[in-house]
N, C-alpha and C. Protein backbone atom coordinates (compact mmCIF):
# COMPACT_ATOMS: atom_id res chain seq x y z
N MET A 1 -127.63 -255.16 -7.42
CA MET A 1 -127.35 -254.58 -8.72
C MET A 1 -126.20 -253.62 -8.59
N ASN A 2 -125.32 -253.70 -9.51
CA ASN A 2 -124.17 -252.81 -9.55
C ASN A 2 -124.63 -251.40 -9.93
N ASN A 3 -124.35 -250.46 -9.07
CA ASN A 3 -124.75 -249.08 -9.36
C ASN A 3 -123.89 -248.43 -10.42
N ASN A 4 -122.91 -249.14 -10.96
CA ASN A 4 -122.06 -248.60 -12.01
C ASN A 4 -122.58 -248.94 -13.40
N THR A 5 -123.78 -249.55 -13.50
CA THR A 5 -124.36 -249.87 -14.79
C THR A 5 -124.49 -248.59 -15.60
N PRO A 6 -124.01 -248.61 -16.85
CA PRO A 6 -124.12 -247.41 -17.68
C PRO A 6 -125.61 -247.04 -17.86
N LEU A 7 -125.99 -245.90 -17.33
CA LEU A 7 -127.38 -245.48 -17.35
C LEU A 7 -127.90 -245.30 -18.76
N LEU A 8 -127.10 -244.73 -19.64
CA LEU A 8 -127.56 -244.50 -21.01
C LEU A 8 -127.94 -245.79 -21.71
N ALA A 9 -127.27 -246.87 -21.39
CA ALA A 9 -127.55 -248.15 -22.03
C ALA A 9 -128.88 -248.74 -21.58
N THR A 10 -129.45 -248.20 -20.51
CA THR A 10 -130.69 -248.76 -19.97
C THR A 10 -131.85 -247.78 -19.99
N GLN A 11 -131.67 -246.61 -20.60
CA GLN A 11 -132.72 -245.60 -20.63
C GLN A 11 -133.92 -246.08 -21.45
N HIS A 12 -135.10 -245.69 -21.02
CA HIS A 12 -136.34 -245.98 -21.75
C HIS A 12 -137.36 -244.90 -21.40
N PRO A 13 -138.42 -244.78 -22.20
CA PRO A 13 -139.40 -243.71 -21.97
C PRO A 13 -140.48 -244.05 -20.94
N PHE A 14 -140.49 -245.27 -20.42
CA PHE A 14 -141.59 -245.72 -19.57
C PHE A 14 -141.45 -245.19 -18.15
N GLY A 15 -142.55 -244.62 -17.67
CA GLY A 15 -142.54 -243.99 -16.36
C GLY A 15 -142.17 -242.52 -16.44
N HIS A 16 -141.71 -242.08 -17.60
CA HIS A 16 -141.35 -240.68 -17.81
C HIS A 16 -142.27 -240.11 -18.90
N GLU A 17 -141.88 -240.29 -20.16
CA GLU A 17 -142.71 -239.80 -21.26
C GLU A 17 -143.97 -240.64 -21.43
N ILE A 18 -143.88 -241.92 -21.16
CA ILE A 18 -145.02 -242.83 -21.27
C ILE A 18 -145.37 -243.29 -19.86
N THR A 19 -146.44 -242.71 -19.32
CA THR A 19 -146.81 -242.99 -17.94
C THR A 19 -147.86 -244.09 -17.87
N LEU A 20 -148.01 -244.64 -16.68
CA LEU A 20 -149.03 -245.65 -16.46
C LEU A 20 -150.42 -245.05 -16.70
N GLU A 21 -150.63 -243.82 -16.28
CA GLU A 21 -151.91 -243.16 -16.48
C GLU A 21 -152.24 -243.05 -17.96
N ALA A 22 -151.26 -242.68 -18.77
CA ALA A 22 -151.47 -242.58 -20.22
C ALA A 22 -151.79 -243.95 -20.81
N LEU A 23 -151.09 -244.99 -20.34
CA LEU A 23 -151.37 -246.34 -20.84
C LEU A 23 -152.78 -246.78 -20.46
N LEU A 24 -153.20 -246.50 -19.23
CA LEU A 24 -154.56 -246.86 -18.81
C LEU A 24 -155.58 -246.15 -19.70
N ASN A 25 -155.35 -244.88 -19.97
CA ASN A 25 -156.24 -244.12 -20.84
C ASN A 25 -156.28 -244.71 -22.24
N ASP A 26 -155.13 -245.02 -22.80
CA ASP A 26 -155.06 -245.58 -24.16
C ASP A 26 -155.74 -246.94 -24.25
N PHE A 27 -155.47 -247.81 -23.29
CA PHE A 27 -156.03 -249.16 -23.33
C PHE A 27 -157.54 -249.17 -23.09
N GLN A 28 -158.04 -248.25 -22.28
CA GLN A 28 -159.48 -248.21 -22.01
C GLN A 28 -160.28 -247.85 -23.26
N LYS A 29 -159.65 -247.20 -24.20
CA LYS A 29 -160.31 -246.85 -25.46
C LYS A 29 -160.41 -248.05 -26.39
N LEU A 30 -159.57 -249.06 -26.17
CA LEU A 30 -159.52 -250.22 -27.04
C LEU A 30 -160.46 -251.30 -26.52
N LYS A 31 -161.35 -251.77 -27.36
CA LYS A 31 -162.32 -252.79 -26.92
C LYS A 31 -161.93 -254.20 -27.38
N ALA A 32 -161.44 -254.32 -28.58
CA ALA A 32 -161.12 -255.64 -29.14
C ALA A 32 -159.74 -256.09 -28.69
N TRP A 33 -159.59 -257.38 -28.43
CA TRP A 33 -158.31 -257.94 -28.03
C TRP A 33 -157.24 -257.68 -29.09
N GLU A 34 -157.61 -257.76 -30.35
CA GLU A 34 -156.64 -257.54 -31.43
C GLU A 34 -156.04 -256.14 -31.35
N ASP A 35 -156.86 -255.17 -30.97
CA ASP A 35 -156.35 -253.79 -30.83
C ASP A 35 -155.40 -253.69 -29.64
N LYS A 36 -155.73 -254.36 -28.56
CA LYS A 36 -154.86 -254.35 -27.37
C LYS A 36 -153.55 -255.09 -27.69
N TYR A 37 -153.64 -256.15 -28.45
CA TYR A 37 -152.46 -256.89 -28.89
C TYR A 37 -151.54 -255.98 -29.71
N ARG A 38 -152.13 -255.26 -30.65
CA ARG A 38 -151.34 -254.32 -31.48
C ARG A 38 -150.71 -253.25 -30.61
N GLN A 39 -151.44 -252.76 -29.60
CA GLN A 39 -150.89 -251.75 -28.70
C GLN A 39 -149.68 -252.31 -27.94
N LEU A 40 -149.76 -253.56 -27.49
CA LEU A 40 -148.62 -254.19 -26.80
C LEU A 40 -147.41 -254.27 -27.72
N VAL A 41 -147.64 -254.64 -28.98
CA VAL A 41 -146.54 -254.73 -29.94
C VAL A 41 -145.93 -253.35 -30.17
N GLN A 42 -146.78 -252.31 -30.28
CA GLN A 42 -146.26 -250.94 -30.46
C GLN A 42 -145.44 -250.51 -29.25
N LEU A 43 -145.92 -250.84 -28.06
CA LEU A 43 -145.17 -250.50 -26.85
C LEU A 43 -143.82 -251.20 -26.83
N SER A 44 -143.82 -252.46 -27.26
CA SER A 44 -142.55 -253.23 -27.25
C SER A 44 -141.50 -252.57 -28.14
N ARG A 45 -141.94 -251.94 -29.21
CA ARG A 45 -141.00 -251.27 -30.12
C ARG A 45 -140.39 -250.01 -29.51
N LYS A 46 -141.04 -249.46 -28.47
CA LYS A 46 -140.53 -248.25 -27.83
C LYS A 46 -139.54 -248.55 -26.71
N LEU A 47 -139.38 -249.82 -26.37
CA LEU A 47 -138.41 -250.20 -25.34
C LEU A 47 -137.11 -250.57 -26.03
N PRO A 48 -136.06 -249.77 -25.85
CA PRO A 48 -134.79 -250.07 -26.49
C PRO A 48 -134.23 -251.41 -26.01
N ALA A 49 -133.60 -252.11 -26.93
CA ALA A 49 -132.96 -253.38 -26.57
C ALA A 49 -131.80 -253.12 -25.61
N LEU A 50 -131.66 -254.01 -24.64
CA LEU A 50 -130.50 -253.92 -23.75
C LEU A 50 -129.26 -254.36 -24.52
N PRO A 51 -128.13 -253.76 -24.23
CA PRO A 51 -126.88 -254.26 -24.82
C PRO A 51 -126.63 -255.69 -24.36
N ASP A 52 -125.97 -256.47 -25.19
CA ASP A 52 -125.71 -257.88 -24.88
C ASP A 52 -124.99 -258.06 -23.54
N GLU A 53 -124.12 -257.11 -23.18
CA GLU A 53 -123.38 -257.27 -21.92
C GLU A 53 -124.29 -257.16 -20.69
N LEU A 54 -125.50 -256.62 -20.86
CA LEU A 54 -126.45 -256.57 -19.75
C LEU A 54 -127.43 -257.74 -19.76
N LYS A 55 -127.38 -258.54 -20.81
CA LYS A 55 -128.25 -259.72 -20.89
C LYS A 55 -127.51 -260.92 -20.29
N THR A 56 -127.29 -260.83 -19.00
CA THR A 56 -126.53 -261.85 -18.29
C THR A 56 -127.46 -262.89 -17.69
N THR A 57 -126.88 -264.00 -17.32
CA THR A 57 -127.63 -265.08 -16.67
C THR A 57 -128.25 -264.60 -15.37
N GLU A 58 -127.52 -263.78 -14.62
CA GLU A 58 -128.06 -263.29 -13.34
C GLU A 58 -129.25 -262.36 -13.53
N LYS A 59 -129.37 -261.70 -14.67
CA LYS A 59 -130.50 -260.83 -14.94
C LYS A 59 -131.65 -261.55 -15.63
N GLU A 60 -131.40 -262.74 -16.16
CA GLU A 60 -132.44 -263.48 -16.88
C GLU A 60 -133.43 -264.08 -15.89
N ILE A 61 -134.70 -264.00 -16.24
CA ILE A 61 -135.77 -264.50 -15.38
C ILE A 61 -136.22 -265.85 -15.90
N LYS A 62 -136.19 -266.82 -15.04
CA LYS A 62 -136.67 -268.16 -15.38
C LYS A 62 -138.18 -268.19 -15.19
N GLY A 63 -138.85 -269.02 -15.95
CA GLY A 63 -140.30 -269.17 -15.80
C GLY A 63 -141.09 -268.34 -16.79
N CYS A 64 -140.41 -267.70 -17.72
CA CYS A 64 -141.11 -266.90 -18.73
C CYS A 64 -141.15 -267.67 -20.04
N GLU A 65 -142.20 -267.42 -20.81
CA GLU A 65 -142.36 -268.06 -22.11
C GLU A 65 -141.22 -267.65 -23.06
N ASN A 66 -140.80 -266.40 -22.97
CA ASN A 66 -139.70 -265.88 -23.75
C ASN A 66 -138.56 -265.50 -22.81
N ARG A 67 -137.39 -265.28 -23.37
CA ARG A 67 -136.29 -264.83 -22.53
C ARG A 67 -136.55 -263.40 -22.09
N VAL A 68 -136.34 -263.14 -20.79
CA VAL A 68 -136.56 -261.83 -20.20
C VAL A 68 -135.40 -261.52 -19.29
N TRP A 69 -134.92 -260.27 -19.36
CA TRP A 69 -133.85 -259.79 -18.48
C TRP A 69 -134.39 -258.58 -17.73
N LEU A 70 -134.04 -258.50 -16.46
CA LEU A 70 -134.51 -257.39 -15.64
C LEU A 70 -133.40 -256.95 -14.72
N GLY A 71 -133.22 -255.64 -14.62
CA GLY A 71 -132.21 -255.09 -13.73
C GLY A 71 -132.75 -253.85 -13.02
N ALA A 72 -132.08 -253.48 -11.96
CA ALA A 72 -132.49 -252.31 -11.17
C ALA A 72 -131.26 -251.54 -10.74
N LYS A 73 -131.42 -250.23 -10.69
CA LYS A 73 -130.36 -249.36 -10.19
C LYS A 73 -131.00 -248.44 -9.16
N LEU A 74 -130.44 -248.43 -7.96
CA LEU A 74 -130.91 -247.54 -6.92
C LEU A 74 -130.27 -246.18 -7.11
N ASN A 75 -131.09 -245.16 -7.30
CA ASN A 75 -130.59 -243.81 -7.49
C ASN A 75 -130.29 -243.16 -6.14
N ASN A 76 -129.57 -242.06 -6.17
CA ASN A 76 -129.20 -241.35 -4.94
C ASN A 76 -130.40 -240.85 -4.15
N ASP A 77 -131.54 -240.66 -4.81
CA ASP A 77 -132.73 -240.16 -4.13
C ASP A 77 -133.58 -241.28 -3.51
N GLY A 78 -133.07 -242.52 -3.56
CA GLY A 78 -133.80 -243.64 -2.98
C GLY A 78 -134.86 -244.24 -3.89
N LYS A 79 -134.88 -243.78 -5.14
CA LYS A 79 -135.83 -244.30 -6.12
C LYS A 79 -135.08 -245.16 -7.12
N TYR A 80 -135.81 -246.06 -7.75
CA TYR A 80 -135.19 -247.04 -8.64
C TYR A 80 -135.36 -246.70 -10.11
N HIS A 81 -134.32 -247.00 -10.86
CA HIS A 81 -134.41 -247.07 -12.32
C HIS A 81 -134.46 -248.57 -12.62
N ILE A 82 -135.56 -249.00 -13.19
CA ILE A 82 -135.76 -250.40 -13.54
C ILE A 82 -135.65 -250.52 -15.05
N TYR A 83 -134.94 -251.51 -15.50
CA TYR A 83 -134.78 -251.69 -16.94
C TYR A 83 -134.88 -253.17 -17.29
N GLY A 84 -135.18 -253.43 -18.54
CA GLY A 84 -135.31 -254.83 -18.95
C GLY A 84 -135.46 -254.96 -20.44
N ASP A 85 -135.60 -256.20 -20.85
CA ASP A 85 -135.74 -256.53 -22.26
C ASP A 85 -136.31 -257.94 -22.36
N SER A 86 -136.86 -258.26 -23.51
CA SER A 86 -137.34 -259.61 -23.79
C SER A 86 -137.17 -259.86 -25.27
N ASP A 87 -137.06 -261.14 -25.63
CA ASP A 87 -136.95 -261.46 -27.05
C ASP A 87 -138.33 -261.76 -27.66
N GLY A 88 -139.39 -261.63 -26.88
CA GLY A 88 -140.75 -261.81 -27.38
C GLY A 88 -141.50 -260.49 -27.39
N ARG A 89 -142.21 -260.20 -28.48
CA ARG A 89 -142.88 -258.90 -28.61
C ARG A 89 -143.97 -258.70 -27.57
N ILE A 90 -144.80 -259.69 -27.34
CA ILE A 90 -145.90 -259.52 -26.39
C ILE A 90 -145.34 -259.40 -24.97
N VAL A 91 -144.40 -260.27 -24.63
CA VAL A 91 -143.80 -260.21 -23.30
C VAL A 91 -143.08 -258.88 -23.12
N LYS A 92 -142.42 -258.41 -24.14
CA LYS A 92 -141.74 -257.11 -24.06
C LYS A 92 -142.77 -256.00 -23.88
N GLY A 93 -143.91 -256.10 -24.54
CA GLY A 93 -144.98 -255.13 -24.36
C GLY A 93 -145.52 -255.16 -22.94
N LEU A 94 -145.69 -256.36 -22.37
CA LEU A 94 -146.14 -256.49 -20.98
C LEU A 94 -145.10 -255.90 -20.03
N LEU A 95 -143.82 -256.12 -20.35
CA LEU A 95 -142.74 -255.57 -19.55
C LEU A 95 -142.78 -254.04 -19.54
N THR A 96 -143.13 -253.44 -20.68
CA THR A 96 -143.19 -251.97 -20.73
C THR A 96 -144.23 -251.42 -19.76
N ILE A 97 -145.33 -252.14 -19.59
CA ILE A 97 -146.37 -251.71 -18.65
C ILE A 97 -145.83 -251.77 -17.22
N ILE A 98 -145.12 -252.84 -16.92
CA ILE A 98 -144.51 -252.97 -15.59
C ILE A 98 -143.52 -251.83 -15.37
N LEU A 99 -142.69 -251.55 -16.36
CA LEU A 99 -141.71 -250.47 -16.23
C LEU A 99 -142.39 -249.12 -16.03
N ALA A 100 -143.49 -248.88 -16.75
CA ALA A 100 -144.22 -247.61 -16.58
C ALA A 100 -144.75 -247.47 -15.15
N ALA A 101 -145.13 -248.59 -14.55
CA ALA A 101 -145.70 -248.56 -13.20
C ALA A 101 -144.65 -248.37 -12.12
N VAL A 102 -143.43 -248.87 -12.34
CA VAL A 102 -142.45 -248.92 -11.25
C VAL A 102 -141.27 -247.96 -11.39
N GLU A 103 -141.08 -247.40 -12.56
CA GLU A 103 -139.93 -246.52 -12.78
C GLU A 103 -139.97 -245.32 -11.84
N ASN A 104 -138.83 -245.02 -11.27
CA ASN A 104 -138.64 -243.86 -10.40
C ASN A 104 -139.51 -243.91 -9.14
N LYS A 105 -139.66 -245.12 -8.61
CA LYS A 105 -140.41 -245.33 -7.37
C LYS A 105 -139.46 -245.88 -6.31
N THR A 106 -139.84 -245.71 -5.04
CA THR A 106 -139.06 -246.29 -3.95
C THR A 106 -139.39 -247.78 -3.83
N ALA A 107 -138.59 -248.49 -3.06
CA ALA A 107 -138.84 -249.92 -2.84
C ALA A 107 -140.22 -250.13 -2.24
N GLN A 108 -140.62 -249.29 -1.30
CA GLN A 108 -141.94 -249.44 -0.67
C GLN A 108 -143.06 -249.17 -1.67
N GLU A 109 -142.88 -248.15 -2.50
CA GLU A 109 -143.89 -247.86 -3.52
C GLU A 109 -144.03 -249.03 -4.49
N ILE A 110 -142.91 -249.62 -4.87
CA ILE A 110 -142.94 -250.77 -5.78
C ILE A 110 -143.62 -251.96 -5.09
N ALA A 111 -143.29 -252.19 -3.83
CA ALA A 111 -143.89 -253.31 -3.09
C ALA A 111 -145.40 -253.15 -2.99
N ASP A 112 -145.88 -251.91 -2.93
CA ASP A 112 -147.31 -251.64 -2.77
C ASP A 112 -148.11 -251.73 -4.07
N ILE A 113 -147.44 -251.83 -5.20
CA ILE A 113 -148.14 -251.86 -6.49
C ILE A 113 -148.72 -253.25 -6.72
N ASP A 114 -149.99 -253.30 -7.09
CA ASP A 114 -150.65 -254.55 -7.44
C ASP A 114 -150.66 -254.64 -8.97
N MET A 115 -149.61 -255.23 -9.52
CA MET A 115 -149.46 -255.28 -10.97
C MET A 115 -150.58 -256.06 -11.63
N LEU A 116 -151.05 -257.12 -11.00
CA LEU A 116 -152.12 -257.91 -11.61
C LEU A 116 -153.40 -257.09 -11.70
N ALA A 117 -153.64 -256.21 -10.74
CA ALA A 117 -154.81 -255.32 -10.80
C ALA A 117 -154.65 -254.33 -11.96
N ILE A 118 -153.41 -253.89 -12.20
CA ILE A 118 -153.16 -252.98 -13.33
C ILE A 118 -153.45 -253.69 -14.65
N PHE A 119 -153.00 -254.93 -14.79
CA PHE A 119 -153.28 -255.67 -16.02
C PHE A 119 -154.77 -255.89 -16.19
N ASP A 120 -155.49 -256.05 -15.08
CA ASP A 120 -156.94 -256.19 -15.12
C ASP A 120 -157.57 -254.87 -15.60
N GLN A 121 -157.12 -253.74 -15.06
CA GLN A 121 -157.63 -252.42 -15.47
C GLN A 121 -157.38 -252.17 -16.95
N LEU A 122 -156.28 -252.69 -17.46
CA LEU A 122 -155.94 -252.52 -18.87
C LEU A 122 -156.75 -253.45 -19.78
N GLY A 123 -157.46 -254.39 -19.17
CA GLY A 123 -158.23 -255.36 -19.95
C GLY A 123 -157.36 -256.47 -20.52
N LEU A 124 -156.22 -256.72 -19.89
CA LEU A 124 -155.29 -257.74 -20.38
C LEU A 124 -155.28 -259.01 -19.55
N ALA A 125 -155.72 -258.92 -18.31
CA ALA A 125 -155.58 -260.05 -17.38
C ALA A 125 -156.22 -261.32 -17.90
N ASN A 126 -157.38 -261.22 -18.51
CA ASN A 126 -158.08 -262.41 -19.00
C ASN A 126 -157.73 -262.76 -20.44
N GLN A 127 -156.89 -261.96 -21.05
CA GLN A 127 -156.56 -262.17 -22.46
C GLN A 127 -155.21 -262.85 -22.69
N ILE A 128 -154.32 -262.73 -21.73
CA ILE A 128 -152.99 -263.33 -21.95
C ILE A 128 -153.01 -264.78 -21.46
N SER A 129 -152.21 -265.60 -22.09
CA SER A 129 -152.18 -267.03 -21.79
C SER A 129 -151.67 -267.27 -20.37
N GLN A 130 -151.94 -268.48 -19.88
CA GLN A 130 -151.48 -268.83 -18.54
C GLN A 130 -149.96 -268.79 -18.45
N SER A 131 -149.28 -269.22 -19.52
CA SER A 131 -147.81 -269.21 -19.47
C SER A 131 -147.27 -267.77 -19.43
N ARG A 132 -147.95 -266.86 -20.14
CA ARG A 132 -147.52 -265.46 -20.07
C ARG A 132 -147.86 -264.85 -18.72
N THR A 133 -148.99 -265.24 -18.14
CA THR A 133 -149.34 -264.79 -16.79
C THR A 133 -148.31 -265.28 -15.79
N ASP A 134 -147.87 -266.52 -15.95
CA ASP A 134 -146.82 -267.06 -15.08
C ASP A 134 -145.54 -266.25 -15.26
N GLY A 135 -145.23 -265.88 -16.50
CA GLY A 135 -144.05 -265.06 -16.77
C GLY A 135 -144.14 -263.69 -16.14
N VAL A 136 -145.33 -263.07 -16.23
CA VAL A 136 -145.53 -261.76 -15.59
C VAL A 136 -145.33 -261.89 -14.09
N ASN A 137 -145.87 -262.95 -13.50
CA ASN A 137 -145.68 -263.18 -12.07
C ASN A 137 -144.21 -263.36 -11.72
N ALA A 138 -143.45 -264.03 -12.59
CA ALA A 138 -142.02 -264.21 -12.36
C ALA A 138 -141.29 -262.87 -12.45
N ILE A 139 -141.68 -262.02 -13.39
CA ILE A 139 -141.08 -260.69 -13.53
C ILE A 139 -141.35 -259.87 -12.28
N ILE A 140 -142.60 -259.89 -11.82
CA ILE A 140 -142.98 -259.12 -10.64
C ILE A 140 -142.22 -259.62 -9.41
N ALA A 141 -142.10 -260.94 -9.26
CA ALA A 141 -141.37 -261.50 -8.12
C ALA A 141 -139.91 -261.07 -8.16
N ARG A 142 -139.27 -261.11 -9.34
CA ARG A 142 -137.88 -260.69 -9.47
C ARG A 142 -137.73 -259.21 -9.17
N LEU A 143 -138.66 -258.43 -9.68
CA LEU A 143 -138.64 -256.99 -9.44
C LEU A 143 -138.69 -256.68 -7.95
N LYS A 144 -139.56 -257.31 -7.24
CA LYS A 144 -139.70 -257.06 -5.82
C LYS A 144 -138.48 -257.58 -5.06
N SER A 145 -137.88 -258.66 -5.56
CA SER A 145 -136.64 -259.16 -4.95
C SER A 145 -135.49 -258.18 -5.16
N LEU A 146 -135.38 -257.66 -6.39
CA LEU A 146 -134.30 -256.70 -6.71
C LEU A 146 -134.41 -255.44 -5.87
N THR A 147 -135.62 -254.96 -5.67
CA THR A 147 -135.79 -253.69 -4.98
C THR A 147 -135.83 -253.85 -3.46
N SER A 148 -135.89 -255.05 -2.97
CA SER A 148 -135.86 -255.25 -1.52
C SER A 148 -134.45 -255.53 -1.02
N GLN A 149 -133.48 -255.60 -1.94
CA GLN A 149 -132.10 -255.93 -1.57
C GLN A 149 -131.38 -254.74 -0.93
N TYR A 150 -131.84 -253.54 -1.17
CA TYR A 150 -131.09 -252.34 -0.75
C TYR A 150 -131.59 -251.82 0.57
């Protein structure tokens, strides 16, 4: 990843103002799938769209139900700024959870995260379709590939 990526164009609240712990707390209060679905849609609205110049073929992830772009920037402190976007609301909502879990973490910390366990804790693992689960797995694989390059 080019470290010259304009940071402002990729800023988002996940991992900072919206933490994984807060998401776990919010989702545990929701019992019905419809409520969790609405929460995913609300989260997707909080992730700013990437500028078109960052929606490149090299950042696009194959194997997702919707188009998804993912990028990483290694900061001077050895921690990553991870950013992304999707053209699907649910997939974008799932992406926000991933971003909350991995933002401002080292490559080793990211490698140690069990994202599927997090989706299980959120009560989403058994609710999302197999194609979306495959897409989440593709996002996670790309994320780990991006952060192992440095």
